[in-house]
All heavy atoms as atom14 arrays in JSON, in Angstrom:
{
  "sequence": "TALASARAVASAGYEPIEVSALHFALQLEEQLGEISPEEAIDQLE",
  "atom14_mask": [
    [1, 1, 1, 1, 1, 1, 1, 0, 0, 0, 0, 0, 0, 0],
    [1, 1, 1, 1, 1, 0, 0, 0, 0, 0, 0, 0, 0, 0],
    [1, 1, 1, 1, 1, 1, 1, 1, 0, 0, 0, 0, 0, 0],
    [1, 1, 1, 1, 1, 0, 0, 0, 0, 0, 0, 0, 0, 0],
    [1, 1, 1, 1, 1, 1, 0, 0, 0, 0, 0, 0, 0, 0],
    [1, 1, 1, 1, 1, 0, 0, 0, 0, 0, 0, 0, 0, 0],
    [1, 1, 1, 1, 1, 1, 1, 1, 1, 1, 1, 0, 0, 0],
    [1, 1, 1, 1, 1, 0, 0, 0, 0, 0, 0, 0, 0, 0],
    [1, 1, 1, 1, 1, 1, 1, 0, 0, 0, 0, 0, 0, 0],
    [1, 1, 1, 1, 1, 0, 0, 0, 0, 0, 0, 0, 0, 0],
    [1, 1, 1, 1, 1, 1, 0, 0, 0, 0, 0, 0, 0, 0],
    [1, 1, 1, 1, 1, 0, 0, 0, 0, 0, 0, 0, 0, 0],
    [1, 1, 1, 1, 0, 0, 0, 0, 0, 0, 0, 0, 0, 0],
    [1, 1, 1, 1, 1, 1, 1, 1, 1, 1, 1, 1, 0, 0],
    [1, 1, 1, 1, 1, 1, 1, 1, 1, 0, 0, 0, 0, 0],
    [1, 1, 1, 1, 1, 1, 1, 0, 0, 0, 0, 0, 0, 0],
    [1, 1, 1, 1, 1, 1, 1, 1, 0, 0, 0, 0, 0, 0],
    [1, 1, 1, 1, 1, 1, 1, 1, 1, 0, 0, 0, 0, 0],
    [1, 1, 1, 1, 1, 1, 1, 0, 0, 0, 0, 0, 0, 0],
    [1, 1, 1, 1, 1, 1, 0, 0, 0, 0, 0, 0, 0, 0],
    [1, 1, 1, 1, 1, 0, 0, 0, 0, 0, 0, 0, 0, 0],
    [1, 1, 1, 1, 1, 1, 1, 1, 0, 0, 0, 0, 0, 0],
    [1, 1, 1, 1, 1, 1, 1, 1, 1, 1, 0, 0, 0, 0],
    [1, 1, 1, 1, 1, 1, 1, 1, 1, 1, 1, 0, 0, 0],
    [1, 1, 1, 1, 1, 0, 0, 0, 0, 0, 0, 0, 0, 0],
    [1, 1, 1, 1, 1, 1, 1, 1, 0, 0, 0, 0, 0, 0],
    [1, 1, 1, 1, 1, 1, 1, 1, 1, 0, 0, 0, 0, 0],
    [1, 1, 1, 1, 1, 1, 1, 1, 0, 0, 0, 0, 0, 0],
    [1, 1, 1, 1, 1, 1, 1, 1, 1, 0, 0, 0, 0, 0],
    [1, 1, 1, 1, 1, 1, 1, 1, 1, 0, 0, 0, 0, 0],
    [1, 1, 1, 1, 1, 1, 1, 1, 1, 0, 0, 0, 0, 0],
    [1, 1, 1, 1, 1, 1, 1, 1, 0, 0, 0, 0, 0, 0],
    [1, 1, 1, 1, 0, 0, 0, 0, 0, 0, 0, 0, 0, 0],
    [1, 1, 1, 1, 1, 1, 1, 1, 1, 0, 0, 0, 0, 0],
    [1, 1, 1, 1, 1, 1, 1, 1, 0, 0, 0, 0, 0, 0],
    [1, 1, 1, 1, 1, 1, 0, 0, 0, 0, 0, 0, 0, 0],
    [1, 1, 1, 1, 1, 1, 1, 0, 0, 0, 0, 0, 0, 0],
    [1, 1, 1, 1, 1, 1, 1, 1, 1, 0, 0, 0, 0, 0],
    [1, 1, 1, 1, 1, 1, 1, 1, 1, 0, 0, 0, 0, 0],
    [1, 1, 1, 1, 1, 0, 0, 0, 0, 0, 0, 0, 0, 0],
    [1, 1, 1, 1, 1, 1, 1, 1, 0, 0, 0, 0, 0, 0],
    [1, 1, 1, 1, 1, 1, 1, 1, 0, 0, 0, 0, 0, 0],
    [1, 1, 1, 1, 1, 1, 1, 1, 1, 0, 0, 0, 0, 0],
    [1, 1, 1, 1, 1, 1, 1, 1, 0, 0, 0, 0, 0, 0],
    [1, 1, 1, 1, 1, 1, 1, 1, 1, 0, 0, 0, 0, 0]
  ],
  "atom14_positions": [
    [[51.87, 3.22, -70.35], [52.4, 1.85, -70.26], [53.75, 1.75, -70.94], [54.67, 1.08, -70.42], [51.41, 0.87, -70.92], [50.16, 0.92, -70.22], [51.95, -0.56, -70.89], [0.0, 0.0, 0.0], [0.0, 0.0, 0.0], [0.0, 0.0, 0.0], [0.0, 0.0, 0.0], [0.0, 0.0, 0.0], [0.0, 0.0, 0.0], [0.0, 0.0, 0.0]],
    [[53.9, 2.4, -72.08], [55.17, 2.38, -72.8], [56.29, 2.94, -71.95], [57.38, 2.35, -71.85], [55.04, 3.16, -74.11], [0.0, 0.0, 0.0], [0.0, 0.0, 0.0], [0.0, 0.0, 0.0], [0.0, 0.0, 0.0], [0.0, 0.0, 0.0], [0.0, 0.0, 0.0], [0.0, 0.0, 0.0], [0.0, 0.0, 0.0], [0.0, 0.0, 0.0]],
    [[56.05, 4.08, -71.3], [57.07, 4.72, -70.49], [57.41, 3.89, -69.26], [58.59, 3.71, -68.91], [56.61, 6.12, -70.08], [57.63, 6.98, -69.32], [58.92, 7.12, -70.11], [57.04, 8.35, -69.02], [0.0, 0.0, 0.0], [0.0, 0.0, 0.0], [0.0, 0.0, 0.0], [0.0, 0.0, 0.0], [0.0, 0.0, 0.0], [0.0, 0.0, 0.0]],
    [[56.4, 3.35, -68.59], [56.63, 2.52, -67.41], [57.45, 1.28, -67.77], [58.39, 0.89, -67.05], [55.3, 2.12, -66.77], [0.0, 0.0, 0.0], [0.0, 0.0, 0.0], [0.0, 0.0, 0.0], [0.0, 0.0, 0.0], [0.0, 0.0, 0.0], [0.0, 0.0, 0.0], [0.0, 0.0, 0.0], [0.0, 0.0, 0.0], [0.0, 0.0, 0.0]],
    [[57.11, 0.64, -68.89], [57.84, -0.56, -69.32], [59.28, -0.23, -69.67], [60.21, -0.98, -69.31], [57.14, -1.19, -70.53], [55.82, -1.57, -70.21], [0.0, 0.0, 0.0], [0.0, 0.0, 0.0], [0.0, 0.0, 0.0], [0.0, 0.0, 0.0], [0.0, 0.0, 0.0], [0.0, 0.0, 0.0], [0.0, 0.0, 0.0], [0.0, 0.0, 0.0]],
    [[59.49, 0.89, -70.37], [60.85, 1.28, -70.75], [61.7, 1.58, -69.53], [62.87, 1.2, -69.45], [60.8, 2.5, -71.67], [0.0, 0.0, 0.0], [0.0, 0.0, 0.0], [0.0, 0.0, 0.0], [0.0, 0.0, 0.0], [0.0, 0.0, 0.0], [0.0, 0.0, 0.0], [0.0, 0.0, 0.0], [0.0, 0.0, 0.0], [0.0, 0.0, 0.0]],
    [[61.12, 2.26, -68.54], [61.87, 2.57, -67.32], [62.24, 1.29, -66.56], [63.34, 1.19, -65.99], [61.03, 3.49, -66.43], [60.99, 4.93, -66.92], [59.99, 5.75, -66.13], [60.04, 7.17, -66.47], [59.12, 8.05, -66.11], [58.05, 7.67, -65.4], [59.24, 9.33, -66.45], [0.0, 0.0, 0.0], [0.0, 0.0, 0.0], [0.0, 0.0, 0.0]],
    [[61.33, 0.32, -66.57], [61.62, -0.95, -65.89], [62.78, -1.67, -66.57], [63.68, -2.2, -65.9], [60.37, -1.83, -65.89], [0.0, 0.0, 0.0], [0.0, 0.0, 0.0], [0.0, 0.0, 0.0], [0.0, 0.0, 0.0], [0.0, 0.0, 0.0], [0.0, 0.0, 0.0], [0.0, 0.0, 0.0], [0.0, 0.0, 0.0], [0.0, 0.0, 0.0]],
    [[62.78, -1.69, -67.89], [63.88, -2.33, -68.63], [65.18, -1.58, -68.39], [66.25, -2.18, -68.22], [63.55, -2.38, -70.14], [64.75, -2.89, -70.94], [62.34, -3.27, -70.39], [0.0, 0.0, 0.0], [0.0, 0.0, 0.0], [0.0, 0.0, 0.0], [0.0, 0.0, 0.0], [0.0, 0.0, 0.0], [0.0, 0.0, 0.0], [0.0, 0.0, 0.0]],
    [[65.12, -0.24, -68.32], [66.33, 0.57, -68.15], [66.97, 0.35, -66.78], [68.18, 0.57, -66.63], [65.98, 2.05, -68.32], [0.0, 0.0, 0.0], [0.0, 0.0, 0.0], [0.0, 0.0, 0.0], [0.0, 0.0, 0.0], [0.0, 0.0, 0.0], [0.0, 0.0, 0.0], [0.0, 0.0, 0.0], [0.0, 0.0, 0.0], [0.0, 0.0, 0.0]],
    [[66.18, -0.08, -65.82], [66.73, -0.28, -64.47], [67.12, -1.73, -64.21], [67.46, -2.07, -63.07], [65.7, 0.17, -63.43], [64.52, -0.61, -63.52], [0.0, 0.0, 0.0], [0.0, 0.0, 0.0], [0.0, 0.0, 0.0], [0.0, 0.0, 0.0], [0.0, 0.0, 0.0], [0.0, 0.0, 0.0], [0.0, 0.0, 0.0], [0.0, 0.0, 0.0]],
    [[67.09, -2.56, -65.26], [67.34, -3.99, -65.06], [68.82, -4.33, -64.92], [69.17, -5.43, -64.49], [66.74, -4.79, -66.21], [0.0, 0.0, 0.0], [0.0, 0.0, 0.0], [0.0, 0.0, 0.0], [0.0, 0.0, 0.0], [0.0, 0.0, 0.0], [0.0, 0.0, 0.0], [0.0, 0.0, 0.0], [0.0, 0.0, 0.0], [0.0, 0.0, 0.0]],
    [[69.71, -3.43, -65.36], [71.14, -3.64, -65.14], [71.89, -4.28, -66.28], [73.1, -4.53, -66.15], [0.0, 0.0, 0.0], [0.0, 0.0, 0.0], [0.0, 0.0, 0.0], [0.0, 0.0, 0.0], [0.0, 0.0, 0.0], [0.0, 0.0, 0.0], [0.0, 0.0, 0.0], [0.0, 0.0, 0.0], [0.0, 0.0, 0.0], [0.0, 0.0, 0.0]],
    [[71.24, -4.55, -67.41], [71.95, -5.12, -68.57], [72.2, -3.98, -69.56], [71.28, -3.52, -70.24], [71.13, -6.24, -69.2], [71.82, -6.9, -70.38], [73.0, -7.61, -70.2], [71.3, -6.8, -71.66], [73.64, -8.22, -71.28], [71.92, -7.39, -72.75], [73.09, -8.1, -72.55], [73.73, -8.69, -73.61], [0.0, 0.0, 0.0], [0.0, 0.0, 0.0]],
    [[73.45, -3.51, -69.62], [73.75, -2.24, -70.27], [73.34, -2.15, -71.74], [72.78, -1.12, -72.15], [75.24, -1.88, -70.13], [75.53, -0.47, -70.6], [76.9, 0.0, -70.17], [77.81, -0.84, -70.1], [77.05, 1.22, -69.94], [0.0, 0.0, 0.0], [0.0, 0.0, 0.0], [0.0, 0.0, 0.0], [0.0, 0.0, 0.0], [0.0, 0.0, 0.0]],
    [[73.61, -3.16, -72.59], [73.23, -3.0, -74.0], [71.75, -2.67, -74.2], [71.39, -1.81, -75.01], [73.59, -4.35, -74.62], [74.69, -4.87, -73.75], [74.33, -4.43, -72.37], [0.0, 0.0, 0.0], [0.0, 0.0, 0.0], [0.0, 0.0, 0.0], [0.0, 0.0, 0.0], [0.0, 0.0, 0.0], [0.0, 0.0, 0.0], [0.0, 0.0, 0.0]],
    [[70.87, -3.35, -73.43], [69.44, -3.07, -73.53], [69.08, -1.83, -72.71], [68.2, -1.05, -73.08], [68.61, -4.28, -73.05], [68.99, -5.53, -73.87], [67.12, -4.0, -73.19], [68.7, -5.4, -75.33], [0.0, 0.0, 0.0], [0.0, 0.0, 0.0], [0.0, 0.0, 0.0], [0.0, 0.0, 0.0], [0.0, 0.0, 0.0], [0.0, 0.0, 0.0]],
    [[69.8, -1.61, -71.61], [69.52, -0.46, -70.75], [69.68, 0.85, -71.51], [68.85, 1.75, -71.38], [70.47, -0.49, -69.54], [70.26, 0.66, -68.58], [71.26, 0.61, -67.43], [71.85, -0.46, -67.18], [71.44, 1.67, -66.79], [0.0, 0.0, 0.0], [0.0, 0.0, 0.0], [0.0, 0.0, 0.0], [0.0, 0.0, 0.0], [0.0, 0.0, 0.0]],
    [[70.74, 0.96, -72.31], [70.98, 2.19, -73.07], [69.85, 2.43, -74.06], [69.34, 3.54, -74.2], [72.35, 2.13, -73.78], [72.5, 3.31, -74.75], [73.48, 2.14, -72.77], [0.0, 0.0, 0.0], [0.0, 0.0, 0.0], [0.0, 0.0, 0.0], [0.0, 0.0, 0.0], [0.0, 0.0, 0.0], [0.0, 0.0, 0.0], [0.0, 0.0, 0.0]],
    [[69.44, 1.36, -74.76], [68.33, 1.49, -75.72], [67.04, 1.9, -75.02], [66.28, 2.74, -75.52], [68.12, 0.17, -76.47], [69.23, -0.14, -77.27], [0.0, 0.0, 0.0], [0.0, 0.0, 0.0], [0.0, 0.0, 0.0], [0.0, 0.0, 0.0], [0.0, 0.0, 0.0], [0.0, 0.0, 0.0], [0.0, 0.0, 0.0], [0.0, 0.0, 0.0]],
    [[66.79, 1.32, -73.82], [65.57, 1.64, -73.09], [65.61, 3.09, -72.58], [64.6, 3.8, -72.63], [65.41, 0.68, -71.91], [0.0, 0.0, 0.0], [0.0, 0.0, 0.0], [0.0, 0.0, 0.0], [0.0, 0.0, 0.0], [0.0, 0.0, 0.0], [0.0, 0.0, 0.0], [0.0, 0.0, 0.0], [0.0, 0.0, 0.0], [0.0, 0.0, 0.0]],
    [[66.78, 3.54, -72.1], [66.9, 4.92, -71.65], [66.68, 5.9, -72.82], [66.04, 6.94, -72.66], [68.29, 5.15, -71.04], [68.52, 4.59, -69.63], [69.99, 4.68, -69.26], [67.66, 5.35, -68.61], [0.0, 0.0, 0.0], [0.0, 0.0, 0.0], [0.0, 0.0, 0.0], [0.0, 0.0, 0.0], [0.0, 0.0, 0.0], [0.0, 0.0, 0.0]],
    [[67.23, 5.52, -73.96], [67.08, 6.34, -75.16], [65.6, 6.47, -75.53], [65.09, 7.57, -75.78], [67.88, 5.7, -76.3], [67.64, 6.28, -77.64], [67.4, 5.5, -78.75], [67.56, 7.55, -78.06], [67.2, 6.29, -79.79], [67.3, 7.54, -79.41], [0.0, 0.0, 0.0], [0.0, 0.0, 0.0], [0.0, 0.0, 0.0], [0.0, 0.0, 0.0]],
    [[64.89, 5.35, -75.52], [63.46, 5.35, -75.84], [62.67, 6.15, -74.8], [61.8, 6.96, -75.14], [62.95, 3.89, -75.89], [61.48, 3.76, -76.1], [60.91, 4.01, -77.34], [60.65, 3.38, -75.05], [59.54, 3.88, -77.53], [59.28, 3.24, -75.24], [58.72, 3.5, -76.47], [0.0, 0.0, 0.0], [0.0, 0.0, 0.0], [0.0, 0.0, 0.0]],
    [[62.99, 5.96, -73.52], [62.27, 6.66, -72.45], [62.5, 8.17, -72.52], [61.57, 8.96, -72.3], [62.71, 6.12, -71.09], [0.0, 0.0, 0.0], [0.0, 0.0, 0.0], [0.0, 0.0, 0.0], [0.0, 0.0, 0.0], [0.0, 0.0, 0.0], [0.0, 0.0, 0.0], [0.0, 0.0, 0.0], [0.0, 0.0, 0.0], [0.0, 0.0, 0.0]],
    [[63.73, 8.56, -72.85], [64.03, 9.99, -72.96], [63.2, 10.67, -74.04], [62.66, 11.76, -73.83], [65.52, 10.18, -73.26], [66.47, 10.22, -72.07], [67.92, 10.26, -72.56], [66.18, 11.42, -71.2], [0.0, 0.0, 0.0], [0.0, 0.0, 0.0], [0.0, 0.0, 0.0], [0.0, 0.0, 0.0], [0.0, 0.0, 0.0], [0.0, 0.0, 0.0]],
    [[63.11, 10.0, -75.18], [62.3, 10.57, -76.27], [60.85, 10.74, -75.83], [60.22, 11.78, -76.1], [62.35, 9.66, -77.49], [63.7, 9.58, -78.18], [63.61, 8.67, -79.39], [63.06, 9.03, -80.42], [64.14, 7.48, -79.26], [0.0, 0.0, 0.0], [0.0, 0.0, 0.0], [0.0, 0.0, 0.0], [0.0, 0.0, 0.0], [0.0, 0.0, 0.0]],
    [[60.34, 9.71, -75.14], [58.94, 9.74, -74.73], [58.71, 10.78, -73.64], [57.7, 11.5, -73.65], [58.51, 8.35, -74.25], [57.02, 8.11, -74.04], [56.21, 8.57, -75.23], [56.78, 6.62, -73.77], [0.0, 0.0, 0.0], [0.0, 0.0, 0.0], [0.0, 0.0, 0.0], [0.0, 0.0, 0.0], [0.0, 0.0, 0.0], [0.0, 0.0, 0.0]],
    [[59.65, 10.92, -72.72], [59.52, 11.91, -71.65], [59.51, 13.33, -72.22], [58.73, 14.19, -71.76], [60.67, 11.76, -70.64], [60.51, 10.55, -69.73], [61.77, 10.27, -68.93], [62.83, 10.86, -69.25], [61.71, 9.46, -68.0], [0.0, 0.0, 0.0], [0.0, 0.0, 0.0], [0.0, 0.0, 0.0], [0.0, 0.0, 0.0], [0.0, 0.0, 0.0]],
    [[60.36, 13.58, -73.19], [60.38, 14.91, -73.8], [59.07, 15.16, -74.57], [58.51, 16.25, -74.52], [61.57, 15.06, -74.73], [61.69, 16.48, -75.3], [62.85, 16.63, -76.27], [63.5, 15.63, -76.61], [63.08, 17.77, -76.71], [0.0, 0.0, 0.0], [0.0, 0.0, 0.0], [0.0, 0.0, 0.0], [0.0, 0.0, 0.0], [0.0, 0.0, 0.0]],
    [[58.61, 14.12, -75.26], [57.36, 14.24, -76.02], [56.19, 14.55, -75.1], [55.29, 15.33, -75.45], [57.12, 12.94, -76.79], [55.86, 12.94, -77.65], [55.69, 11.6, -78.37], [56.66, 10.96, -78.78], [54.45, 11.18, -78.51], [0.0, 0.0, 0.0], [0.0, 0.0, 0.0], [0.0, 0.0, 0.0], [0.0, 0.0, 0.0], [0.0, 0.0, 0.0]],
    [[56.21, 13.97, -73.9], [55.13, 14.17, -72.94], [55.34, 15.43, -72.09], [54.5, 15.76, -71.26], [55.02, 12.95, -72.01], [54.6, 11.64, -72.69], [54.68, 10.48, -71.7], [53.19, 11.75, -73.25], [0.0, 0.0, 0.0], [0.0, 0.0, 0.0], [0.0, 0.0, 0.0], [0.0, 0.0, 0.0], [0.0, 0.0, 0.0], [0.0, 0.0, 0.0]],
    [[56.46, 16.11, -72.29], [56.73, 17.33, -71.54], [57.22, 17.09, -70.13], [57.2, 18.0, -69.29], [0.0, 0.0, 0.0], [0.0, 0.0, 0.0], [0.0, 0.0, 0.0], [0.0, 0.0, 0.0], [0.0, 0.0, 0.0], [0.0, 0.0, 0.0], [0.0, 0.0, 0.0], [0.0, 0.0, 0.0], [0.0, 0.0, 0.0], [0.0, 0.0, 0.0]],
    [[57.67, 15.87, -69.82], [58.14, 15.57, -68.47], [59.55, 16.07, -68.23], [59.97, 16.23, -67.07], [58.06, 14.06, -68.21], [56.63, 13.53, -68.21], [56.54, 12.1, -67.71], [57.57, 11.59, -67.19], [55.46, 11.49, -67.83], [0.0, 0.0, 0.0], [0.0, 0.0, 0.0], [0.0, 0.0, 0.0], [0.0, 0.0, 0.0], [0.0, 0.0, 0.0]],
    [[60.31, 16.28, -69.29], [61.64, 16.89, -69.16], [61.76, 17.97, -70.24], [61.09, 17.91, -71.27], [62.78, 15.86, -69.3], [62.71, 15.16, -70.66], [62.76, 14.85, -68.17], [63.91, 14.27, -70.92], [0.0, 0.0, 0.0], [0.0, 0.0, 0.0], [0.0, 0.0, 0.0], [0.0, 0.0, 0.0], [0.0, 0.0, 0.0], [0.0, 0.0, 0.0]],
    [[62.61, 18.93, -69.98], [62.81, 20.03, -70.94], [63.75, 19.57, -72.05], [64.49, 18.59, -71.89], [63.43, 21.23, -70.24], [64.75, 20.93, -69.81], [0.0, 0.0, 0.0], [0.0, 0.0, 0.0], [0.0, 0.0, 0.0], [0.0, 0.0, 0.0], [0.0, 0.0, 0.0], [0.0, 0.0, 0.0], [0.0, 0.0, 0.0], [0.0, 0.0, 0.0]],
    [[63.74, 20.26, -73.19], [64.69, 19.92, -74.26], [66.14, 19.98, -73.79], [66.96, 19.16, -74.21], [64.41, 20.99, -75.33], [62.99, 21.4, -75.09], [62.8, 21.31, -73.62], [0.0, 0.0, 0.0], [0.0, 0.0, 0.0], [0.0, 0.0, 0.0], [0.0, 0.0, 0.0], [0.0, 0.0, 0.0], [0.0, 0.0, 0.0], [0.0, 0.0, 0.0]],
    [[66.45, 20.93, -72.91], [67.82, 21.04, -72.41], [68.2, 19.82, -71.57], [69.32, 19.3, -71.7], [67.97, 22.32, -71.56], [67.85, 23.62, -72.33], [66.42, 23.95, -72.72], [65.47, 23.35, -72.13], [66.23, 24.79, -73.62], [0.0, 0.0, 0.0], [0.0, 0.0, 0.0], [0.0, 0.0, 0.0], [0.0, 0.0, 0.0], [0.0, 0.0, 0.0]],
    [[67.26, 19.34, -70.72], [67.53, 18.14, -69.93], [67.68, 16.92, -70.83], [68.54, 16.06, -70.59], [66.39, 17.92, -68.93], [66.33, 18.96, -67.83], [65.08, 18.8, -66.97], [64.0, 18.53, -67.53], [65.21, 18.94, -65.74], [0.0, 0.0, 0.0], [0.0, 0.0, 0.0], [0.0, 0.0, 0.0], [0.0, 0.0, 0.0], [0.0, 0.0, 0.0]],
    [[66.86, 16.85, -71.88], [66.96, 15.73, -72.81], [68.31, 15.72, -73.5], [68.95, 14.67, -73.63], [65.84, 15.81, -73.84], [0.0, 0.0, 0.0], [0.0, 0.0, 0.0], [0.0, 0.0, 0.0], [0.0, 0.0, 0.0], [0.0, 0.0, 0.0], [0.0, 0.0, 0.0], [0.0, 0.0, 0.0], [0.0, 0.0, 0.0], [0.0, 0.0, 0.0]],
    [[68.77, 16.9, -73.93], [70.07, 16.99, -74.59], [71.18, 16.53, -73.66], [72.08, 15.77, -74.05], [70.32, 18.44, -75.08], [69.43, 18.74, -76.29], [71.79, 18.65, -75.43], [69.5, 20.19, -76.74], [0.0, 0.0, 0.0], [0.0, 0.0, 0.0], [0.0, 0.0, 0.0], [0.0, 0.0, 0.0], [0.0, 0.0, 0.0], [0.0, 0.0, 0.0]],
    [[71.14, 16.98, -72.4], [72.18, 16.62, -71.43], [72.24, 15.1, -71.22], [73.32, 14.5, -71.22], [71.89, 17.33, -70.11], [72.97, 17.07, -69.08], [74.14, 17.38, -69.36], [72.65, 16.55, -67.99], [0.0, 0.0, 0.0], [0.0, 0.0, 0.0], [0.0, 0.0, 0.0], [0.0, 0.0, 0.0], [0.0, 0.0, 0.0], [0.0, 0.0, 0.0]],
    [[71.07, 14.47, -71.08], [71.06, 13.02, -70.84], [71.44, 12.24, -72.1], [72.09, 11.2, -72.02], [69.68, 12.6, -70.34], [69.35, 13.18, -68.96], [68.04, 12.67, -68.41], [67.78, 11.46, -68.42], [67.2, 13.57, -67.92], [0.0, 0.0, 0.0], [0.0, 0.0, 0.0], [0.0, 0.0, 0.0], [0.0, 0.0, 0.0], [0.0, 0.0, 0.0]],
    [[71.03, 12.74, -73.28], [71.41, 12.08, -74.53], [72.91, 12.16, -74.76], [73.52, 11.21, -75.27], [70.66, 12.71, -75.7], [69.18, 12.34, -75.84], [68.49, 13.27, -76.84], [69.05, 10.88, -76.31], [0.0, 0.0, 0.0], [0.0, 0.0, 0.0], [0.0, 0.0, 0.0], [0.0, 0.0, 0.0], [0.0, 0.0, 0.0], [0.0, 0.0, 0.0]],
    [[73.52, 13.28, -74.37], [74.98, 13.4, -74.5], [75.67, 12.35, -73.63], [76.68, 11.75, -74.04], [75.43, 14.81, -74.09], [75.22, 15.88, -75.15], [76.24, 15.78, -76.3], [76.98, 14.78, -76.37], [76.24, 16.68, -77.14], [0.0, 0.0, 0.0], [0.0, 0.0, 0.0], [0.0, 0.0, 0.0], [0.0, 0.0, 0.0], [0.0, 0.0, 0.0]]
  ]
}
C-alpha cells in the first residue's frame, strides 16, 4: 500500500511533492528488491 500510494502521488504532476514521493518510492523499491542498487543510484542522481 505504501508503494502504490507513493507512486500515485509521484505521478500527480506537482513537482515539489513529486520529488519527495519518488525519493520515498525509490527507497522502498530497493528495499523490496524491485530495483538494483545501481538503478537506485542512477535515479537518485
